[in-house]
N, C-alpha and C. Protein backbone atom coordinates (compact mmCIF):
# COMPACT_ATOMS: atom_id res chain seq x y z
N UNK A 1 0.86 -1.21 -0.02
CA UNK A 1 0.05 -0.09 -0.04
C UNK A 1 0.96 1.24 -0.05
N UNK A 2 0.60 2.22 -0.88
CA UNK A 2 1.49 3.36 -1.08
C UNK A 2 1.04 4.47 0.01
N UNK A 3 1.92 5.40 0.29
CA UNK A 3 1.67 6.39 1.10
C UNK A 3 0.61 7.29 0.57
N UNK A 4 -0.34 7.83 1.27
CA UNK A 4 -1.30 8.82 0.77
C UNK A 4 -0.28 10.25 0.74
N UNK A 5 -0.56 10.76 -0.25
CA UNK A 5 0.24 12.14 -0.42
C UNK A 5 -0.47 13.22 0.50
N UNK A 6 0.22 13.85 1.32
CA UNK A 6 -0.21 14.89 2.05
C UNK A 6 -0.87 15.98 1.30
N UNK A 7 -1.98 16.61 1.62
CA UNK A 7 -2.66 17.53 0.75
C UNK A 7 -2.02 18.79 0.63
N UNK A 8 -1.02 19.10 1.42
CA UNK A 8 -0.23 20.28 1.37
C UNK A 8 0.98 20.18 0.51
N UNK A 9 1.29 19.02 0.10
CA UNK A 9 2.60 18.59 -0.76
C UNK A 9 2.00 18.33 -2.15
N UNK A 10 2.83 18.71 -3.19
CA UNK A 10 2.61 18.54 -4.50
C UNK A 10 3.49 17.56 -5.08
N UNK A 11 3.07 16.95 -6.12
CA UNK A 11 3.87 16.14 -7.06
C UNK A 11 4.63 17.00 -8.02
N UNK A 12 5.48 16.29 -8.55
CA UNK A 12 6.44 17.10 -9.46
C UNK A 12 5.69 17.53 -10.84
N UNK A 13 4.56 16.75 -11.18
CA UNK A 13 3.74 17.11 -12.18
C UNK A 13 2.90 18.34 -11.87
N UNK A 14 2.45 18.30 -10.53
CA UNK A 14 1.65 19.60 -10.24
C UNK A 14 2.41 20.75 -10.16
N UNK A 15 3.73 20.66 -9.58
CA UNK A 15 4.52 21.75 -9.44
C UNK A 15 5.01 22.30 -10.89
N UNK A 16 5.18 21.32 -11.81
CA UNK A 16 5.68 21.63 -13.30
C UNK A 16 4.36 22.45 -13.87
N UNK A 17 3.17 21.83 -13.74
CA UNK A 17 2.02 22.50 -14.22
C UNK A 17 1.72 23.94 -13.67
N UNK A 18 1.79 24.16 -12.28
CA UNK A 18 1.51 25.41 -11.62
C UNK A 18 2.63 26.38 -11.98
N UNK A 19 4.01 25.91 -12.10
CA UNK A 19 5.09 27.00 -12.21
C UNK A 19 5.40 27.24 -13.71
N UNK A 20 5.00 26.32 -14.50
CA UNK A 20 5.38 26.48 -16.06
C UNK A 20 6.76 26.07 -16.25
N UNK A 21 7.46 25.31 -15.33
CA UNK A 21 8.58 24.87 -15.42
C UNK A 21 8.58 23.20 -15.79
N UNK A 22 9.16 22.84 -16.91
CA UNK A 22 8.98 21.36 -16.98
C UNK A 22 9.53 20.46 -15.95
N UNK A 23 9.20 19.19 -15.67
CA UNK A 23 9.62 18.44 -14.72
C UNK A 23 11.16 18.06 -15.02
N UNK A 24 11.41 17.82 -16.12
CA UNK A 24 13.01 17.59 -16.39
C UNK A 24 13.82 18.66 -16.13
N UNK A 25 13.28 20.05 -16.04
CA UNK A 25 14.05 21.23 -15.81
C UNK A 25 14.16 21.30 -14.17
N UNK A 26 12.91 20.86 -13.60
CA UNK A 26 12.90 20.95 -12.04
C UNK A 26 13.98 20.02 -11.60
N UNK A 27 14.03 18.68 -12.15
CA UNK A 27 15.10 17.70 -11.65
C UNK A 27 16.51 18.36 -11.90
N UNK A 28 16.71 19.04 -13.07
CA UNK A 28 18.06 19.51 -13.23
C UNK A 28 18.39 20.74 -12.28
N UNK A 29 17.48 21.54 -12.04
CA UNK A 29 17.70 22.59 -10.81
C UNK A 29 17.89 21.82 -9.57
N UNK A 30 17.42 20.77 -9.30
CA UNK A 30 17.77 20.12 -8.03
C UNK A 30 19.31 19.54 -8.13
N UNK A 31 19.68 19.03 -9.27
CA UNK A 31 20.94 18.50 -9.48
C UNK A 31 22.00 19.57 -9.26
N UNK A 32 21.72 20.78 -9.78
CA UNK A 32 22.70 21.69 -9.56
C UNK A 32 22.49 22.67 -8.40
N UNK A 33 21.64 22.28 -7.56
CA UNK A 33 21.37 22.86 -6.16
C UNK A 33 20.65 24.33 -6.28
N UNK A 34 20.12 24.51 -7.35
CA UNK A 34 19.42 25.75 -7.56
C UNK A 34 18.09 25.60 -6.75
N UNK A 35 17.53 24.42 -6.72
CA UNK A 35 16.29 23.94 -5.89
C UNK A 35 16.86 22.93 -4.81
N UNK A 36 16.16 23.01 -3.69
CA UNK A 36 16.63 22.00 -2.63
C UNK A 36 16.06 20.64 -3.03
N UNK A 37 16.66 19.63 -2.63
CA UNK A 37 16.11 18.31 -2.83
C UNK A 37 14.63 18.23 -2.18
N UNK A 38 13.83 17.61 -2.80
CA UNK A 38 12.47 17.61 -2.15
C UNK A 38 12.32 16.27 -1.32
N UNK A 39 11.15 16.34 -0.60
CA UNK A 39 10.89 15.28 0.26
C UNK A 39 10.63 14.06 -0.66
N UNK A 40 10.54 12.87 -0.15
CA UNK A 40 10.28 11.71 -0.73
C UNK A 40 9.32 10.83 -0.05
N UNK A 41 8.30 10.45 -1.01
CA UNK A 41 7.30 9.58 -0.30
C UNK A 41 7.97 8.12 -0.15
N UNK A 42 7.23 7.28 0.57
CA UNK A 42 7.83 5.97 0.65
C UNK A 42 7.99 5.25 -0.58
N UNK A 43 7.22 5.70 -1.76
CA UNK A 43 7.34 5.02 -2.95
C UNK A 43 8.55 5.61 -3.89
N UNK A 44 9.06 6.73 -3.16
CA UNK A 44 10.28 7.31 -3.89
C UNK A 44 9.81 8.59 -4.70
N UNK A 45 8.57 8.83 -4.83
CA UNK A 45 7.96 10.07 -5.69
C UNK A 45 8.50 11.28 -4.82
N UNK A 46 8.81 12.33 -5.65
CA UNK A 46 9.09 13.61 -5.05
C UNK A 46 7.95 14.23 -4.56
N UNK A 47 7.91 14.96 -3.49
CA UNK A 47 6.86 15.66 -2.88
C UNK A 47 7.46 17.17 -2.58
N UNK A 48 6.77 18.12 -3.06
CA UNK A 48 7.15 19.55 -2.88
C UNK A 48 6.03 20.24 -2.05
N UNK A 49 6.63 21.25 -1.30
CA UNK A 49 6.01 22.32 -0.64
C UNK A 49 5.23 23.31 -1.64
N UNK A 50 4.24 23.79 -1.26
CA UNK A 50 3.64 24.81 -2.16
C UNK A 50 4.63 25.91 -2.56
N UNK A 51 5.55 26.46 -1.69
CA UNK A 51 6.38 27.50 -1.73
C UNK A 51 7.27 27.24 -2.98
N UNK A 52 7.45 25.94 -3.32
CA UNK A 52 8.32 25.58 -4.50
C UNK A 52 7.86 26.29 -5.76
N UNK A 53 6.49 26.37 -5.98
CA UNK A 53 5.86 26.75 -7.20
C UNK A 53 6.32 28.20 -7.31
N UNK A 54 6.39 29.14 -6.18
CA UNK A 54 6.68 30.49 -6.38
C UNK A 54 8.37 30.66 -6.61
N UNK A 55 9.05 29.70 -6.01
CA UNK A 55 10.49 29.67 -6.25
C UNK A 55 10.72 29.47 -7.74
N UNK A 56 10.12 28.51 -8.24
CA UNK A 56 10.30 28.06 -9.57
C UNK A 56 9.81 29.19 -10.54
N UNK A 57 8.74 29.90 -10.18
CA UNK A 57 8.17 31.01 -11.04
C UNK A 57 9.36 32.07 -11.08
N UNK A 58 9.93 32.38 -9.86
CA UNK A 58 11.04 33.30 -9.97
C UNK A 58 12.17 32.87 -10.79
N UNK A 59 12.57 31.67 -10.69
CA UNK A 59 13.64 31.32 -11.61
C UNK A 59 13.14 31.39 -13.01
N UNK A 60 12.00 30.98 -13.37
CA UNK A 60 11.72 30.96 -14.65
C UNK A 60 11.60 32.36 -15.32
N UNK A 61 11.12 33.26 -14.41
CA UNK A 61 11.09 34.70 -14.86
C UNK A 61 12.61 35.31 -14.99
N UNK A 62 13.39 34.98 -14.08
CA UNK A 62 14.84 35.34 -14.22
C UNK A 62 15.43 34.68 -15.43
N UNK A 63 15.09 33.53 -15.75
CA UNK A 63 15.77 32.80 -16.97
C UNK A 63 15.17 33.39 -18.19
N UNK A 64 13.89 33.81 -18.22
CA UNK A 64 13.15 34.47 -19.30
C UNK A 64 13.96 35.65 -19.63
N UNK A 65 14.33 36.43 -18.62
CA UNK A 65 15.03 37.59 -18.67
C UNK A 65 16.47 37.60 -19.02
N UNK A 66 16.95 36.31 -19.35
CA UNK A 66 18.15 36.03 -19.76
C UNK A 66 19.24 35.89 -18.82
N UNK A 67 19.07 35.87 -17.53
CA UNK A 67 19.93 35.84 -16.40
C UNK A 67 20.51 34.44 -16.55
N UNK A 68 22.00 34.33 -16.46
CA UNK A 68 22.53 32.97 -16.44
C UNK A 68 22.13 32.43 -15.27
N UNK A 69 22.41 31.07 -15.06
CA UNK A 69 22.08 30.27 -13.81
C UNK A 69 22.97 30.88 -12.71
N UNK A 70 24.12 31.23 -12.95
CA UNK A 70 24.99 31.71 -11.71
C UNK A 70 24.31 32.98 -11.17
N UNK A 71 23.86 33.86 -12.19
CA UNK A 71 23.12 35.07 -11.57
C UNK A 71 21.80 34.76 -10.96
N UNK A 72 21.10 33.88 -11.43
CA UNK A 72 19.88 33.35 -10.84
C UNK A 72 20.11 32.77 -9.48
N UNK A 73 21.08 32.04 -9.22
CA UNK A 73 21.59 31.49 -8.06
C UNK A 73 21.88 32.66 -6.84
N UNK A 74 22.39 33.80 -7.50
CA UNK A 74 22.76 35.07 -6.66
C UNK A 74 21.42 35.69 -6.45
N UNK A 75 20.60 35.81 -7.43
CA UNK A 75 19.27 36.49 -7.03
C UNK A 75 18.41 35.83 -6.03
N UNK A 76 18.47 34.37 -6.06
CA UNK A 76 17.70 33.76 -5.05
C UNK A 76 18.44 33.76 -3.82
N UNK A 77 19.63 33.98 -3.60
CA UNK A 77 20.24 34.09 -2.26
C UNK A 77 19.85 35.47 -1.70
N UNK A 78 19.91 36.50 -2.69
CA UNK A 78 19.52 37.90 -2.18
C UNK A 78 18.06 37.95 -1.91
N UNK A 79 17.17 37.30 -2.62
CA UNK A 79 15.78 37.30 -2.35
C UNK A 79 15.55 36.58 -1.05
N UNK A 80 16.37 35.44 -0.63
CA UNK A 80 16.16 34.73 0.54
C UNK A 80 16.69 35.60 1.69
N UNK A 81 17.54 36.64 1.60
CA UNK A 81 18.16 37.30 2.64
C UNK A 81 17.44 38.64 2.98
N UNK A 82 16.85 38.65 4.17
CA UNK A 82 16.13 39.81 4.59
C UNK A 82 16.94 41.08 4.78
N UNK A 83 18.25 40.86 4.94
CA UNK A 83 19.14 41.93 5.08
C UNK A 83 19.97 42.32 4.01
N UNK A 84 19.42 41.92 2.72
CA UNK A 84 20.00 42.26 1.45
C UNK A 84 20.01 43.64 1.20
N UNK A 85 20.95 43.97 0.18
CA UNK A 85 20.93 45.38 -0.38
C UNK A 85 20.32 45.41 -1.67
N UNK A 86 19.41 46.41 -1.96
CA UNK A 86 18.97 46.39 -3.24
C UNK A 86 20.02 46.90 -4.32
N UNK A 87 20.87 47.65 -3.67
CA UNK A 87 22.07 47.95 -4.68
C UNK A 87 22.86 46.74 -5.26
N UNK A 88 23.05 45.80 -4.44
CA UNK A 88 23.57 44.41 -4.79
C UNK A 88 22.70 43.90 -6.12
N UNK A 89 21.33 43.84 -5.70
CA UNK A 89 20.46 43.31 -6.92
C UNK A 89 20.53 44.23 -8.02
N UNK A 90 20.73 45.48 -7.87
CA UNK A 90 20.63 46.62 -9.07
C UNK A 90 22.02 46.40 -9.79
N UNK A 91 23.16 46.12 -9.16
CA UNK A 91 24.42 45.94 -9.69
C UNK A 91 24.45 44.71 -10.64
N UNK A 92 23.82 43.62 -10.21
CA UNK A 92 23.65 42.42 -10.98
C UNK A 92 22.88 42.72 -12.21
N UNK A 93 21.68 43.23 -12.00
CA UNK A 93 20.79 43.49 -13.16
C UNK A 93 21.49 44.41 -14.12
N UNK A 94 22.36 45.42 -13.77
CA UNK A 94 23.22 46.39 -14.65
C UNK A 94 24.18 45.62 -15.33
N UNK A 95 24.91 44.72 -14.73
CA UNK A 95 25.95 43.93 -15.38
C UNK A 95 25.27 42.97 -16.45
N UNK A 96 24.01 42.51 -16.10
CA UNK A 96 23.26 41.66 -17.13
C UNK A 96 22.86 42.70 -18.29
N UNK A 97 22.46 43.74 -17.99
CA UNK A 97 22.11 44.71 -19.14
C UNK A 97 23.29 45.01 -20.17
N UNK A 98 24.48 45.18 -19.55
CA UNK A 98 25.73 45.54 -20.18
C UNK A 98 26.12 44.34 -21.01
N UNK A 99 25.87 43.27 -20.57
CA UNK A 99 26.08 41.93 -21.55
C UNK A 99 24.98 41.88 -22.63
N UNK A 100 23.79 42.12 -22.36
CA UNK A 100 22.79 42.21 -23.38
C UNK A 100 23.14 43.26 -24.49
N UNK A 101 23.65 44.43 -23.89
CA UNK A 101 23.94 45.56 -24.98
C UNK A 101 25.15 45.04 -25.70
N UNK A 102 26.19 44.45 -25.22
CA UNK A 102 27.26 43.96 -25.96
C UNK A 102 26.94 42.96 -26.87
N UNK A 103 25.78 42.14 -26.68
CA UNK A 103 25.51 40.99 -27.54
C UNK A 103 24.57 41.61 -28.69
N UNK A 104 23.77 42.70 -28.38
CA UNK A 104 22.98 43.39 -29.33
C UNK A 104 24.03 44.06 -30.37
N UNK A 105 25.18 44.67 -29.81
CA UNK A 105 26.01 45.34 -30.85
C UNK A 105 26.62 44.33 -31.74
N UNK A 106 27.06 43.17 -31.06
CA UNK A 106 27.80 42.08 -31.84
C UNK A 106 26.75 41.52 -32.95
N UNK A 107 25.37 41.39 -32.59
CA UNK A 107 24.38 40.86 -33.48
C UNK A 107 24.21 41.94 -34.63
N UNK A 108 24.29 43.25 -34.25
CA UNK A 108 24.03 44.18 -35.23
C UNK A 108 25.24 44.23 -36.18
N UNK A 109 26.43 43.99 -35.72
CA UNK A 109 27.50 43.97 -36.63
C UNK A 109 27.43 42.76 -37.50
N UNK A 110 27.10 41.51 -37.04
CA UNK A 110 26.87 40.31 -37.84
C UNK A 110 25.68 40.61 -38.96
N UNK A 111 24.83 41.13 -38.52
CA UNK A 111 23.59 41.47 -39.56
C UNK A 111 24.22 42.43 -40.62
N UNK A 112 24.73 43.47 -40.29
CA UNK A 112 25.34 44.26 -41.19
C UNK A 112 26.38 43.63 -42.18
N UNK A 113 27.15 42.61 -41.71
CA UNK A 113 28.12 41.97 -42.69
C UNK A 113 27.32 40.98 -43.41
N UNK A 114 26.42 40.41 -42.92
CA UNK A 114 25.60 39.37 -43.71
C UNK A 114 24.74 40.05 -44.80
N UNK A 115 24.13 41.06 -44.37
CA UNK A 115 23.31 41.98 -45.22
C UNK A 115 24.35 42.38 -46.54
N UNK A 116 25.45 42.82 -46.12
CA UNK A 116 26.51 43.22 -47.30
C UNK A 116 26.66 42.24 -48.24
N UNK A 117 26.76 40.99 -47.60
CA UNK A 117 27.26 39.83 -48.64
C UNK A 117 25.90 39.45 -49.50
N UNK A 118 24.76 39.54 -48.79
CA UNK A 118 23.49 39.22 -49.51
C UNK A 118 23.28 40.12 -50.62
N UNK A 119 23.57 41.39 -50.35
CA UNK A 119 23.52 42.37 -51.45
C UNK A 119 24.40 42.22 -52.60
N UNK A 120 25.71 41.72 -52.32
CA UNK A 120 26.54 41.46 -53.30
C UNK A 120 26.42 40.18 -54.13
N UNK A 121 25.45 39.27 -53.61
CA UNK A 121 25.21 38.02 -54.17
C UNK A 121 24.09 38.15 -55.23
N UNK A 122 24.31 37.75 -56.49
CA UNK A 122 23.41 37.91 -57.51
C UNK A 122 22.23 36.93 -57.49
N UNK A 123 22.63 35.83 -56.89
CA UNK A 123 21.44 34.88 -56.58
C UNK A 123 20.95 34.10 -57.73
N UNK A 124 21.67 34.10 -58.91
CA UNK A 124 21.18 33.53 -60.08
C UNK A 124 21.67 32.12 -60.18
N UNK A 125 21.84 31.60 -61.41
CA UNK A 125 22.24 30.28 -61.83
C UNK A 125 23.76 30.08 -61.86
N UNK A 126 24.55 31.18 -61.79
CA UNK A 126 25.92 31.16 -62.10
C UNK A 126 26.55 30.65 -60.79
N UNK A 127 27.72 29.95 -60.89
CA UNK A 127 28.27 29.20 -59.44
C UNK A 127 28.96 30.25 -58.68
N UNK A 128 29.42 31.47 -59.18
CA UNK A 128 30.21 32.49 -58.28
C UNK A 128 29.26 32.97 -57.19
N UNK A 129 29.75 32.97 -55.99
CA UNK A 129 28.84 33.59 -54.83
C UNK A 129 29.64 34.19 -54.01
N UNK A 130 29.50 35.55 -53.82
CA UNK A 130 30.41 36.32 -52.65
C UNK A 130 30.16 35.83 -51.20
N UNK A 131 28.91 35.28 -50.91
CA UNK A 131 28.78 34.70 -49.67
C UNK A 131 29.74 33.43 -49.31
N UNK A 132 29.84 32.53 -50.34
CA UNK A 132 30.61 31.46 -50.17
C UNK A 132 32.04 31.88 -50.32
N UNK A 133 32.49 32.76 -51.21
CA UNK A 133 33.79 33.30 -51.19
C UNK A 133 34.29 33.75 -49.82
N UNK A 134 33.36 34.58 -49.25
CA UNK A 134 33.66 35.16 -47.86
C UNK A 134 33.83 34.01 -46.78
N UNK A 135 33.08 32.97 -46.87
CA UNK A 135 33.14 31.98 -45.85
C UNK A 135 34.30 31.15 -46.13
N UNK A 136 34.84 31.03 -47.30
CA UNK A 136 35.94 30.30 -47.67
C UNK A 136 37.31 30.90 -47.32
N UNK A 137 37.24 32.26 -47.57
CA UNK A 137 38.59 33.03 -47.53
C UNK A 137 38.51 33.99 -46.24
N UNK A 138 37.82 33.93 -45.42
CA UNK A 138 37.75 34.70 -44.24
C UNK A 138 38.21 33.94 -43.04
């Protein structure tokens, strides 16, 4: 006979559904210690407190904003610390914005280069192609 699941605890499927984070990702977050290991029922099933849903939503939103896992871990630590400094949170977000700005600049340069190559390519049936020439000789 299996353990009845306590009504205050959720299965991984319920947590995944309510948080919008797939079960596979939840297990990964547990492996890398972003999430604490859950309780286990006698049958080995993972059981989660309701607060887990909010923590996963926090992680999901931070990841949706592009924060790397290391920054998400730091944000969680700051969120868990009632004596945190908002300045520390702001510095982390500013550093992330700077990384986004650098990536945007890089992508803009890549688009400009590719656009120039596309403009120079006639696109006809002839074999010569400035795009392939650039890839071969660059």
